[in-house]
């Protein structure tokens, strides 16, 4: 029985380590590795008899119960917080990748629909509108406008999570791109 318990303990720690995303591993590599490991485990379990499976699960439940009994409430809180952080980072990364892919596709579709002459005319008219409004604006008004913008952004950033902040930055870049302030996105977003 002790041998079985140590095997179970080792297996549990290996399984826990396997589910954490490895350093430098892309999300597709991570998903593929997890799929392979799941398939391997399911084949191994298909080979074991129902009695062996019941015994293995009983040992596992007993081991987990003993582990949780030894764990203080602070340790448990830290462990759960760590798990939530890993989960949220993984989800945020996947959401950001999907959002950037959608953004690139939308921009690409808009550029394909617009001829180069239309594009030049649109950018020229946007620049003219912007320069006219800036020419009418005094130095003090401009300073006040920029200060208000900075204050608004600071208040928004204080209220939103880092994921929402990234989303808003990308949306702002997209709107500036559409307004002609930038002719292309920074390379790290593409």
N, C-alpha and C. Protein backbone atom coordinates (compact mmCIF):
# COMPACT_ATOMS: atom_id res chain seq x y z
N UNK A 1 0.80 -1.21 0.00
CA UNK A 1 0.00 0.00 0.00
C UNK A 1 0.85 1.27 0.00
N UNK A 2 1.92 1.39 0.80
CA UNK A 2 2.73 2.62 0.74
C UNK A 2 3.30 2.86 -0.64
N UNK A 3 3.69 1.74 -1.32
CA UNK A 3 4.24 1.91 -2.66
C UNK A 3 3.19 2.53 -3.58
N UNK A 4 1.98 2.02 -3.49
CA UNK A 4 0.89 2.53 -4.32
C UNK A 4 0.63 4.01 -4.03
N UNK A 5 0.67 4.36 -2.74
CA UNK A 5 0.42 5.74 -2.35
C UNK A 5 1.51 6.67 -2.89
N UNK A 6 2.76 6.26 -2.82
CA UNK A 6 3.84 7.11 -3.34
C UNK A 6 3.74 7.25 -4.85
N UNK A 7 3.32 6.17 -5.53
CA UNK A 7 3.11 6.27 -6.97
C UNK A 7 2.01 7.27 -7.29
N UNK A 8 0.94 7.21 -6.50
CA UNK A 8 -0.17 8.13 -6.70
C UNK A 8 0.26 9.57 -6.46
N UNK A 9 1.05 9.78 -5.41
CA UNK A 9 1.54 11.11 -5.10
C UNK A 9 2.39 11.65 -6.24
N UNK A 10 3.29 10.81 -6.74
CA UNK A 10 4.15 11.21 -7.85
C UNK A 10 3.31 11.51 -9.09
N UNK A 11 2.33 10.65 -9.36
CA UNK A 11 1.47 10.84 -10.53
C UNK A 11 0.69 12.16 -10.43
N UNK A 12 0.19 12.47 -9.21
CA UNK A 12 -0.57 13.70 -9.02
C UNK A 12 0.29 14.93 -9.26
N UNK A 13 1.52 14.93 -8.74
CA UNK A 13 2.40 16.08 -8.94
C UNK A 13 2.80 16.21 -10.40
N UNK A 14 2.99 15.08 -11.08
CA UNK A 14 3.33 15.13 -12.51
C UNK A 14 2.16 15.69 -13.31
N UNK A 15 0.95 15.26 -12.95
CA UNK A 15 -0.24 15.75 -13.65
C UNK A 15 -0.40 17.24 -13.44
N UNK A 16 -0.21 17.71 -12.20
CA UNK A 16 -0.34 19.13 -11.90
C UNK A 16 0.69 19.93 -12.69
N UNK A 17 1.92 19.44 -12.75
CA UNK A 17 2.99 20.14 -13.49
C UNK A 17 2.68 20.15 -14.98
N UNK A 18 2.05 19.08 -15.47
CA UNK A 18 1.79 18.98 -16.91
C UNK A 18 0.73 19.97 -17.37
N UNK A 19 -0.21 20.33 -16.47
CA UNK A 19 -1.29 21.22 -16.90
C UNK A 19 -0.88 22.68 -16.90
N UNK A 20 0.25 23.03 -16.25
CA UNK A 20 0.72 24.41 -16.25
C UNK A 20 1.45 24.67 -17.56
N UNK A 21 1.18 25.80 -18.17
CA UNK A 21 1.80 26.13 -19.44
C UNK A 21 3.29 26.34 -19.26
N UNK A 22 4.08 25.69 -20.08
CA UNK A 22 5.54 25.76 -19.95
C UNK A 22 6.07 27.06 -20.54
N UNK A 23 7.23 27.50 -20.03
CA UNK A 23 7.86 28.73 -20.48
C UNK A 23 8.22 28.60 -21.95
N UNK A 24 7.83 29.59 -22.74
CA UNK A 24 8.16 29.59 -24.16
C UNK A 24 7.25 28.73 -25.01
N UNK A 25 6.24 28.16 -24.41
CA UNK A 25 5.33 27.27 -25.14
C UNK A 25 4.16 28.09 -25.67
N UNK A 26 3.88 27.96 -26.97
CA UNK A 26 2.74 28.69 -27.54
C UNK A 26 1.45 28.02 -27.09
N UNK A 27 0.34 28.74 -27.24
CA UNK A 27 -0.94 28.18 -26.79
C UNK A 27 -1.31 26.94 -27.60
N UNK A 28 -0.99 26.92 -28.91
CA UNK A 28 -1.31 25.73 -29.71
C UNK A 28 -0.45 24.54 -29.29
N UNK A 29 0.84 24.78 -28.98
CA UNK A 29 1.69 23.70 -28.49
C UNK A 29 1.19 23.19 -27.15
N UNK A 30 0.75 24.12 -26.29
CA UNK A 30 0.22 23.76 -24.97
C UNK A 30 -1.03 22.89 -25.12
N UNK A 31 -1.95 23.31 -25.99
CA UNK A 31 -3.18 22.54 -26.22
C UNK A 31 -2.86 21.16 -26.78
N UNK A 32 -1.90 21.11 -27.72
CA UNK A 32 -1.53 19.82 -28.32
C UNK A 32 -0.92 18.89 -27.28
N UNK A 33 -0.04 19.43 -26.42
CA UNK A 33 0.59 18.61 -25.38
C UNK A 33 -0.45 18.08 -24.41
N UNK A 34 -1.38 18.93 -24.00
CA UNK A 34 -2.43 18.47 -23.09
C UNK A 34 -3.31 17.41 -23.73
N UNK A 35 -3.61 17.58 -25.02
CA UNK A 35 -4.44 16.59 -25.72
C UNK A 35 -3.72 15.24 -25.78
N UNK A 36 -2.41 15.28 -26.07
CA UNK A 36 -1.63 14.03 -26.12
C UNK A 36 -1.59 13.34 -24.76
N UNK A 37 -1.38 14.13 -23.70
CA UNK A 37 -1.32 13.56 -22.36
C UNK A 37 -2.68 12.99 -21.93
N UNK A 38 -3.75 13.68 -22.30
CA UNK A 38 -5.10 13.19 -21.97
C UNK A 38 -5.37 11.88 -22.69
N UNK A 39 -4.98 11.82 -23.96
CA UNK A 39 -5.18 10.59 -24.73
C UNK A 39 -4.38 9.43 -24.11
N UNK A 40 -3.14 9.71 -23.71
CA UNK A 40 -2.30 8.67 -23.10
C UNK A 40 -2.94 8.16 -21.81
N UNK A 41 -3.41 9.11 -20.96
CA UNK A 41 -4.04 8.70 -19.70
C UNK A 41 -5.31 7.91 -19.94
N UNK A 42 -6.11 8.32 -20.94
CA UNK A 42 -7.36 7.60 -21.19
C UNK A 42 -7.09 6.19 -21.69
N UNK A 43 -6.02 6.00 -22.48
CA UNK A 43 -5.67 4.65 -22.92
C UNK A 43 -5.22 3.79 -21.74
N UNK A 44 -4.41 4.38 -20.85
CA UNK A 44 -3.94 3.65 -19.67
C UNK A 44 -5.12 3.25 -18.79
N UNK A 45 -6.08 4.14 -18.64
CA UNK A 45 -7.24 3.83 -17.81
C UNK A 45 -8.15 2.81 -18.46
N UNK A 46 -8.18 2.79 -19.78
CA UNK A 46 -9.02 1.80 -20.47
C UNK A 46 -8.48 0.39 -20.24
N UNK A 47 -7.15 0.28 -20.01
CA UNK A 47 -6.54 -1.03 -19.79
C UNK A 47 -6.77 -1.55 -18.37
N UNK A 48 -7.05 -0.65 -17.41
CA UNK A 48 -7.19 -1.11 -16.04
C UNK A 48 -8.61 -1.63 -15.77
N UNK A 49 -8.71 -2.59 -14.87
CA UNK A 49 -10.02 -3.16 -14.55
C UNK A 49 -10.80 -2.19 -13.67
N UNK A 50 -12.11 -2.43 -13.54
CA UNK A 50 -12.93 -1.53 -12.72
C UNK A 50 -12.52 -1.59 -11.25
N UNK A 51 -12.07 -2.76 -10.79
CA UNK A 51 -11.60 -2.88 -9.40
C UNK A 51 -10.36 -2.04 -9.18
N UNK A 52 -9.40 -2.13 -10.13
CA UNK A 52 -8.18 -1.33 -10.02
C UNK A 52 -8.51 0.17 -10.05
N UNK A 53 -9.45 0.53 -10.93
CA UNK A 53 -9.84 1.94 -11.04
C UNK A 53 -10.47 2.42 -9.73
N UNK A 54 -11.36 1.63 -9.15
CA UNK A 54 -11.99 2.01 -7.88
C UNK A 54 -10.94 2.17 -6.79
N UNK A 55 -9.97 1.24 -6.78
CA UNK A 55 -8.91 1.31 -5.77
C UNK A 55 -8.04 2.55 -5.98
N UNK A 56 -7.71 2.83 -7.24
CA UNK A 56 -6.89 4.01 -7.55
C UNK A 56 -7.61 5.29 -7.13
N UNK A 57 -8.89 5.39 -7.45
CA UNK A 57 -9.64 6.59 -7.08
C UNK A 57 -9.78 6.72 -5.57
N UNK A 58 -9.95 5.60 -4.88
CA UNK A 58 -10.04 5.64 -3.41
C UNK A 58 -8.73 6.15 -2.81
N UNK A 59 -7.59 5.63 -3.32
CA UNK A 59 -6.28 6.11 -2.85
C UNK A 59 -6.13 7.61 -3.13
N UNK A 60 -6.57 8.01 -4.33
CA UNK A 60 -6.44 9.42 -4.72
C UNK A 60 -7.26 10.31 -3.79
N UNK A 61 -8.51 9.92 -3.52
CA UNK A 61 -9.36 10.71 -2.62
C UNK A 61 -8.76 10.79 -1.22
N UNK A 62 -8.23 9.66 -0.75
CA UNK A 62 -7.61 9.63 0.58
C UNK A 62 -6.39 10.55 0.62
N UNK A 63 -5.57 10.47 -0.43
CA UNK A 63 -4.36 11.31 -0.50
C UNK A 63 -4.74 12.79 -0.52
N UNK A 64 -5.73 13.14 -1.33
CA UNK A 64 -6.14 14.54 -1.42
C UNK A 64 -6.72 15.02 -0.09
N UNK A 65 -7.49 14.16 0.56
CA UNK A 65 -8.07 14.52 1.85
C UNK A 65 -6.98 14.78 2.89
N UNK A 66 -5.96 13.91 2.93
CA UNK A 66 -4.85 14.10 3.87
C UNK A 66 -4.07 15.37 3.55
N UNK A 67 -3.87 15.62 2.27
CA UNK A 67 -3.14 16.82 1.86
C UNK A 67 -3.89 18.07 2.28
N UNK A 68 -5.20 18.10 2.03
CA UNK A 68 -6.01 19.27 2.39
C UNK A 68 -6.07 19.46 3.91
N UNK A 69 -6.06 18.35 4.66
CA UNK A 69 -6.08 18.45 6.12
C UNK A 69 -4.80 19.11 6.64
N UNK A 70 -3.68 18.83 5.97
CA UNK A 70 -2.39 19.41 6.40
C UNK A 70 -2.26 20.87 5.98
N UNK A 71 -3.00 21.25 4.98
CA UNK A 71 -2.86 22.58 4.40
C UNK A 71 -3.63 23.60 5.24
N UNK A 72 -2.96 24.68 5.62
CA UNK A 72 -3.63 25.72 6.40
C UNK A 72 -4.54 26.52 5.48
N UNK A 73 -5.42 27.31 6.06
CA UNK A 73 -6.34 28.11 5.25
C UNK A 73 -5.58 29.15 4.43
N UNK A 74 -4.48 29.69 4.98
CA UNK A 74 -3.67 30.66 4.23
C UNK A 74 -3.03 30.00 3.02
N UNK A 75 -2.45 28.81 3.24
CA UNK A 75 -1.84 28.08 2.13
C UNK A 75 -2.87 27.76 1.06
N UNK A 76 -4.07 27.36 1.51
CA UNK A 76 -5.14 27.02 0.55
C UNK A 76 -5.54 28.26 -0.25
N UNK A 77 -5.67 29.41 0.44
CA UNK A 77 -6.01 30.66 -0.25
C UNK A 77 -4.95 31.02 -1.28
N UNK A 78 -3.67 30.86 -0.88
CA UNK A 78 -2.58 31.16 -1.81
C UNK A 78 -2.61 30.22 -3.02
N UNK A 79 -2.86 28.93 -2.75
CA UNK A 79 -2.90 27.96 -3.85
C UNK A 79 -4.03 28.29 -4.82
N UNK A 80 -5.22 28.59 -4.27
CA UNK A 80 -6.36 28.91 -5.12
C UNK A 80 -6.13 30.21 -5.89
N UNK A 81 -5.52 31.21 -5.22
CA UNK A 81 -5.22 32.48 -5.90
C UNK A 81 -4.25 32.26 -7.04
N UNK A 82 -3.25 31.41 -6.81
CA UNK A 82 -2.28 31.10 -7.85
C UNK A 82 -2.95 30.41 -9.04
N UNK A 83 -3.84 29.46 -8.75
CA UNK A 83 -4.56 28.77 -9.83
C UNK A 83 -5.43 29.74 -10.61
N UNK A 84 -6.12 30.65 -9.88
CA UNK A 84 -6.98 31.63 -10.57
C UNK A 84 -6.14 32.55 -11.45
N UNK A 85 -4.96 32.95 -10.95
CA UNK A 85 -4.10 33.85 -11.72
C UNK A 85 -3.64 33.18 -13.01
N UNK A 86 -3.22 31.92 -12.91
CA UNK A 86 -2.78 31.18 -14.10
C UNK A 86 -3.92 31.07 -15.10
N UNK A 87 -5.11 30.74 -14.60
CA UNK A 87 -6.28 30.60 -15.48
C UNK A 87 -6.60 31.93 -16.15
N UNK A 88 -6.60 33.02 -15.37
CA UNK A 88 -6.97 34.31 -15.94
C UNK A 88 -5.93 34.79 -16.95
N UNK A 89 -4.63 34.54 -16.69
CA UNK A 89 -3.59 34.93 -17.64
C UNK A 89 -3.73 34.15 -18.94
N UNK A 90 -4.02 32.85 -18.81
CA UNK A 90 -4.19 32.03 -20.01
C UNK A 90 -5.38 32.52 -20.82
N UNK A 91 -6.50 32.80 -20.13
CA UNK A 91 -7.71 33.28 -20.82
C UNK A 91 -7.46 34.65 -21.46
N UNK A 92 -6.79 35.55 -20.72
CA UNK A 92 -6.51 36.89 -21.25
C UNK A 92 -5.64 36.81 -22.49
N UNK A 93 -4.65 35.92 -22.46
CA UNK A 93 -3.77 35.76 -23.62
C UNK A 93 -4.55 35.26 -24.82
N UNK A 94 -5.43 34.28 -24.61
CA UNK A 94 -6.23 33.73 -25.71
C UNK A 94 -7.19 34.78 -26.25
N UNK A 95 -7.83 35.55 -25.34
CA UNK A 95 -8.76 36.60 -25.78
C UNK A 95 -8.02 37.67 -26.58
N UNK A 96 -6.83 38.06 -26.11
CA UNK A 96 -6.06 39.10 -26.80
C UNK A 96 -5.66 38.63 -28.19
N UNK A 97 -5.22 37.37 -28.29
CA UNK A 97 -4.84 36.83 -29.60
C UNK A 97 -6.02 36.84 -30.55
N UNK A 98 -7.19 36.42 -30.06
CA UNK A 98 -8.39 36.39 -30.89
C UNK A 98 -8.80 37.80 -31.31
N UNK A 99 -8.74 38.74 -30.35
CA UNK A 99 -9.14 40.11 -30.64
C UNK A 99 -8.21 40.75 -31.67
N UNK A 100 -6.89 40.52 -31.51
CA UNK A 100 -5.94 41.08 -32.47
C UNK A 100 -6.12 40.46 -33.85
N UNK A 101 -6.41 39.15 -33.88
CA UNK A 101 -6.66 38.50 -35.17
C UNK A 101 -7.88 39.11 -35.84
N UNK A 102 -8.94 39.35 -35.07
CA UNK A 102 -10.15 39.98 -35.62
C UNK A 102 -9.86 41.40 -36.10
N UNK A 103 -9.07 42.14 -35.32
CA UNK A 103 -8.71 43.51 -35.69
C UNK A 103 -7.93 43.53 -37.00
N UNK A 104 -6.92 42.64 -37.11
CA UNK A 104 -6.14 42.57 -38.35
C UNK A 104 -7.03 42.23 -39.54
N UNK A 105 -7.96 41.30 -39.34
CA UNK A 105 -8.85 40.91 -40.43
C UNK A 105 -9.75 42.08 -40.84
N UNK A 106 -10.32 42.80 -39.86
CA UNK A 106 -11.18 43.95 -40.17
C UNK A 106 -10.43 45.02 -40.95
N UNK A 107 -9.21 45.33 -40.48
CA UNK A 107 -8.41 46.35 -41.16
C UNK A 107 -8.07 45.91 -42.57
N UNK A 108 -7.71 44.64 -42.71
CA UNK A 108 -7.38 44.11 -44.03
C UNK A 108 -8.57 44.20 -44.98
N UNK A 109 -9.76 43.84 -44.48
CA UNK A 109 -10.97 43.91 -45.31
C UNK A 109 -11.27 45.35 -45.72
N UNK A 110 -11.11 46.30 -44.79
CA UNK A 110 -11.35 47.72 -45.11
C UNK A 110 -10.38 48.20 -46.18
N UNK A 111 -9.11 47.79 -46.06
CA UNK A 111 -8.10 48.24 -47.03
C UNK A 111 -8.35 47.65 -48.41
N UNK A 112 -8.84 46.42 -48.45
CA UNK A 112 -9.13 45.80 -49.75
C UNK A 112 -10.30 46.49 -50.45
N UNK A 113 -11.27 46.95 -49.66
CA UNK A 113 -12.44 47.60 -50.26
C UNK A 113 -12.11 49.00 -50.78
N UNK A 114 -11.11 49.60 -50.22
CA UNK A 114 -10.79 50.99 -50.54
C UNK A 114 -9.66 51.05 -51.57
N UNK A 115 -9.88 51.76 -52.66
CA UNK A 115 -8.82 51.89 -53.66
C UNK A 115 -7.75 52.82 -53.12
N UNK A 116 -6.58 52.82 -53.75
CA UNK A 116 -5.49 53.67 -53.26
C UNK A 116 -5.82 55.15 -53.41
N UNK A 117 -6.56 55.52 -54.46
CA UNK A 117 -6.94 56.93 -54.64
C UNK A 117 -7.90 57.35 -53.52
N UNK A 118 -8.91 56.50 -53.27
CA UNK A 118 -9.86 56.79 -52.19
C UNK A 118 -9.13 56.91 -50.85
N UNK A 119 -8.16 56.01 -50.66
CA UNK A 119 -7.39 56.01 -49.42
C UNK A 119 -6.63 57.33 -49.27
N UNK A 120 -5.97 57.76 -50.34
CA UNK A 120 -5.21 59.02 -50.30
C UNK A 120 -6.13 60.20 -50.04
N UNK A 121 -7.29 60.21 -50.73
CA UNK A 121 -8.23 61.32 -50.54
C UNK A 121 -8.76 61.35 -49.10
N UNK A 122 -9.08 60.17 -48.57
CA UNK A 122 -9.61 60.12 -47.20
C UNK A 122 -8.57 60.63 -46.20
N UNK A 123 -7.32 60.17 -46.36
CA UNK A 123 -6.27 60.61 -45.44
C UNK A 123 -6.02 62.11 -45.57
N UNK A 124 -6.04 62.62 -46.81
CA UNK A 124 -5.81 64.05 -47.01
C UNK A 124 -6.91 64.88 -46.36
N UNK A 125 -8.18 64.46 -46.54
CA UNK A 125 -9.28 65.23 -45.94
C UNK A 125 -9.23 65.15 -44.41
N UNK A 126 -8.86 64.00 -43.89
CA UNK A 126 -8.76 63.88 -42.43
C UNK A 126 -7.64 64.75 -41.88
N UNK A 127 -6.51 64.77 -42.60
CA UNK A 127 -5.41 65.63 -42.16
C UNK A 127 -5.80 67.11 -42.21
N UNK A 128 -6.54 67.49 -43.28
CA UNK A 128 -6.96 68.88 -43.42
C UNK A 128 -7.91 69.27 -42.28
N UNK A 129 -8.87 68.40 -41.98
CA UNK A 129 -9.81 68.68 -40.88
C UNK A 129 -9.07 68.81 -39.56
N UNK A 130 -8.15 67.89 -39.32
CA UNK A 130 -7.38 67.92 -38.07
C UNK A 130 -6.54 69.18 -37.97
N UNK A 131 -5.85 69.53 -39.06
CA UNK A 131 -4.97 70.72 -39.01
C UNK A 131 -5.79 72.00 -38.87
N UNK A 132 -6.98 72.06 -39.50
CA UNK A 132 -7.85 73.24 -39.34
C UNK A 132 -8.31 73.40 -37.89
N UNK A 133 -8.73 72.29 -37.30
CA UNK A 133 -9.21 72.38 -35.91
C UNK A 133 -8.05 72.72 -34.97
N UNK A 134 -6.86 72.21 -35.26
CA UNK A 134 -5.70 72.52 -34.42
C UNK A 134 -5.26 73.97 -34.62
N UNK A 135 -5.42 74.50 -35.85
CA UNK A 135 -5.02 75.88 -36.12
C UNK A 135 -5.92 76.86 -35.36
N UNK A 136 -7.21 76.51 -35.23
CA UNK A 136 -8.14 77.37 -34.50
C UNK A 136 -7.91 77.32 -32.99
N UNK A 137 -7.26 76.29 -32.55
CA UNK A 137 -7.08 76.06 -31.12
C UNK A 137 -5.85 76.82 -30.62
N UNK A 138 -6.01 77.58 -29.54
CA UNK A 138 -4.87 78.31 -28.98
C UNK A 138 -3.98 77.34 -28.20
N UNK A 139 -2.80 77.81 -27.85
CA UNK A 139 -1.86 76.99 -27.09
C UNK A 139 -2.45 76.58 -25.73
N UNK A 140 -3.12 77.52 -25.08
CA UNK A 140 -3.72 77.23 -23.76
C UNK A 140 -4.84 76.20 -23.90
N UNK A 141 -5.66 76.35 -24.96
CA UNK A 141 -6.75 75.39 -25.19
C UNK A 141 -6.19 73.99 -25.46
N UNK A 142 -5.11 73.96 -26.24
CA UNK A 142 -4.50 72.66 -26.55
C UNK A 142 -3.95 72.00 -25.28
N UNK A 143 -3.27 72.80 -24.46
CA UNK A 143 -2.74 72.26 -23.20
C UNK A 143 -3.87 71.74 -22.31
N UNK A 144 -4.97 72.50 -22.26
CA UNK A 144 -6.12 72.09 -21.45
C UNK A 144 -6.73 70.80 -22.00
N UNK A 145 -6.87 70.71 -23.34
CA UNK A 145 -7.44 69.52 -23.96
C UNK A 145 -6.58 68.29 -23.67
N UNK A 146 -5.26 68.43 -23.82
CA UNK A 146 -4.36 67.31 -23.56
C UNK A 146 -4.38 66.91 -22.09
N UNK A 147 -4.45 67.90 -21.20
CA UNK A 147 -4.52 67.60 -19.76
C UNK A 147 -5.80 66.84 -19.44
N UNK A 148 -6.91 67.28 -20.05
CA UNK A 148 -8.19 66.58 -19.84
C UNK A 148 -8.12 65.15 -20.37
N UNK A 149 -7.50 64.98 -21.54
CA UNK A 149 -7.36 63.64 -22.10
C UNK A 149 -6.55 62.73 -21.17
N UNK A 150 -5.43 63.27 -20.66
CA UNK A 150 -4.60 62.48 -19.75
C UNK A 150 -5.36 62.12 -18.47
N UNK A 151 -6.11 63.09 -17.94
CA UNK A 151 -6.88 62.83 -16.72
C UNK A 151 -7.95 61.77 -16.98
N UNK A 152 -8.65 61.89 -18.10
CA UNK A 152 -9.68 60.89 -18.45
C UNK A 152 -9.08 59.51 -18.58
N UNK A 153 -7.93 59.42 -19.26
CA UNK A 153 -7.28 58.11 -19.44
C UNK A 153 -6.84 57.53 -18.10
N UNK A 154 -6.32 58.39 -17.21
CA UNK A 154 -5.88 57.91 -15.89
C UNK A 154 -7.07 57.37 -15.10
N UNK A 155 -8.21 58.07 -15.17
CA UNK A 155 -9.41 57.61 -14.45
C UNK A 155 -9.92 56.29 -15.03
N UNK A 156 -9.91 56.20 -16.35
CA UNK A 156 -10.37 54.96 -17.01
C UNK A 156 -9.46 53.80 -16.64
N UNK A 157 -8.14 54.05 -16.72
CA UNK A 157 -7.17 52.99 -16.40
C UNK A 157 -7.30 52.53 -14.96
N UNK A 158 -7.60 53.44 -14.07
CA UNK A 158 -7.74 53.07 -12.66
C UNK A 158 -8.96 52.17 -12.44
N UNK A 159 -9.99 52.35 -13.28
CA UNK A 159 -11.21 51.56 -13.11
C UNK A 159 -11.17 50.22 -13.81
N UNK A 160 -10.38 50.09 -14.86
CA UNK A 160 -10.47 48.87 -15.66
C UNK A 160 -9.33 47.91 -15.38
N UNK A 161 -9.56 46.65 -15.69
CA UNK A 161 -8.53 45.62 -15.52
C UNK A 161 -7.51 45.75 -16.64
N UNK A 162 -6.41 45.05 -16.51
CA UNK A 162 -5.36 45.13 -17.54
C UNK A 162 -5.86 44.59 -18.87
N UNK A 163 -6.72 43.58 -18.85
CA UNK A 163 -7.25 43.02 -20.10
C UNK A 163 -8.12 44.06 -20.80
N UNK A 164 -9.01 44.73 -20.03
CA UNK A 164 -9.85 45.76 -20.61
C UNK A 164 -8.99 46.91 -21.12
N UNK A 165 -7.92 47.23 -20.38
CA UNK A 165 -7.02 48.31 -20.79
C UNK A 165 -6.39 47.99 -22.15
N UNK A 166 -5.91 46.75 -22.32
CA UNK A 166 -5.33 46.34 -23.60
C UNK A 166 -6.35 46.45 -24.72
N UNK A 167 -7.58 46.02 -24.45
CA UNK A 167 -8.64 46.09 -25.44
C UNK A 167 -8.90 47.53 -25.85
N UNK A 168 -8.96 48.44 -24.87
CA UNK A 168 -9.20 49.84 -25.18
C UNK A 168 -8.06 50.46 -25.96
N UNK A 169 -6.82 50.07 -25.65
CA UNK A 169 -5.67 50.58 -26.40
C UNK A 169 -5.78 50.15 -27.86
N UNK A 170 -6.11 48.88 -28.08
CA UNK A 170 -6.24 48.39 -29.45
C UNK A 170 -7.37 49.10 -30.17
N UNK A 171 -8.51 49.32 -29.49
CA UNK A 171 -9.63 50.04 -30.12
C UNK A 171 -9.24 51.47 -30.44
N UNK A 172 -8.49 52.11 -29.54
CA UNK A 172 -8.03 53.47 -29.79
C UNK A 172 -7.11 53.52 -31.00
N UNK A 173 -6.18 52.55 -31.08
CA UNK A 173 -5.28 52.49 -32.23
C UNK A 173 -6.07 52.28 -33.52
N UNK A 174 -7.10 51.45 -33.46
CA UNK A 174 -7.91 51.20 -34.65
C UNK A 174 -8.63 52.48 -35.07
N UNK A 175 -9.19 53.22 -34.10
CA UNK A 175 -9.89 54.45 -34.46
C UNK A 175 -8.92 55.49 -35.01
N UNK A 176 -7.71 55.57 -34.43
CA UNK A 176 -6.71 56.50 -34.96
C UNK A 176 -6.28 56.10 -36.36
N UNK A 177 -6.19 54.80 -36.59
CA UNK A 177 -5.84 54.31 -37.91
C UNK A 177 -6.91 54.70 -38.92
N UNK A 178 -8.17 54.53 -38.53
CA UNK A 178 -9.28 54.88 -39.41
C UNK A 178 -9.35 56.39 -39.65
N UNK A 179 -8.93 57.19 -38.66
CA UNK A 179 -8.95 58.64 -38.81
C UNK A 179 -7.73 59.17 -39.55
N UNK A 180 -6.77 58.27 -39.82
CA UNK A 180 -5.60 58.69 -40.57
C UNK A 180 -4.49 59.25 -39.72
N UNK A 181 -4.58 59.14 -38.39
CA UNK A 181 -3.48 59.63 -37.54
C UNK A 181 -2.27 58.73 -37.69
N UNK A 182 -2.52 57.42 -37.89
CA UNK A 182 -1.46 56.47 -38.17
C UNK A 182 -1.77 55.86 -39.53
N UNK A 183 -0.76 55.62 -40.32
CA UNK A 183 -1.01 54.95 -41.59
C UNK A 183 -0.89 53.45 -41.47
N UNK A 184 -0.29 52.97 -40.38
CA UNK A 184 -0.23 51.53 -40.13
C UNK A 184 -0.05 51.28 -38.65
N UNK A 185 -0.47 50.08 -38.21
CA UNK A 185 -0.31 49.71 -36.80
C UNK A 185 1.14 49.41 -36.49
N UNK A 186 1.56 49.57 -35.25
CA UNK A 186 2.91 49.14 -34.86
C UNK A 186 3.09 47.65 -35.15
N UNK A 187 4.30 47.26 -35.51
CA UNK A 187 4.55 45.87 -35.93
C UNK A 187 4.26 44.86 -34.84
N UNK A 188 4.41 45.24 -33.56
CA UNK A 188 4.17 44.25 -32.50
C UNK A 188 2.69 43.91 -32.34
N UNK A 189 1.78 44.71 -32.95
CA UNK A 189 0.36 44.38 -32.89
C UNK A 189 -0.10 43.57 -34.09
N UNK A 190 0.78 43.43 -35.07
CA UNK A 190 0.39 42.70 -36.28
C UNK A 190 0.95 41.30 -36.28
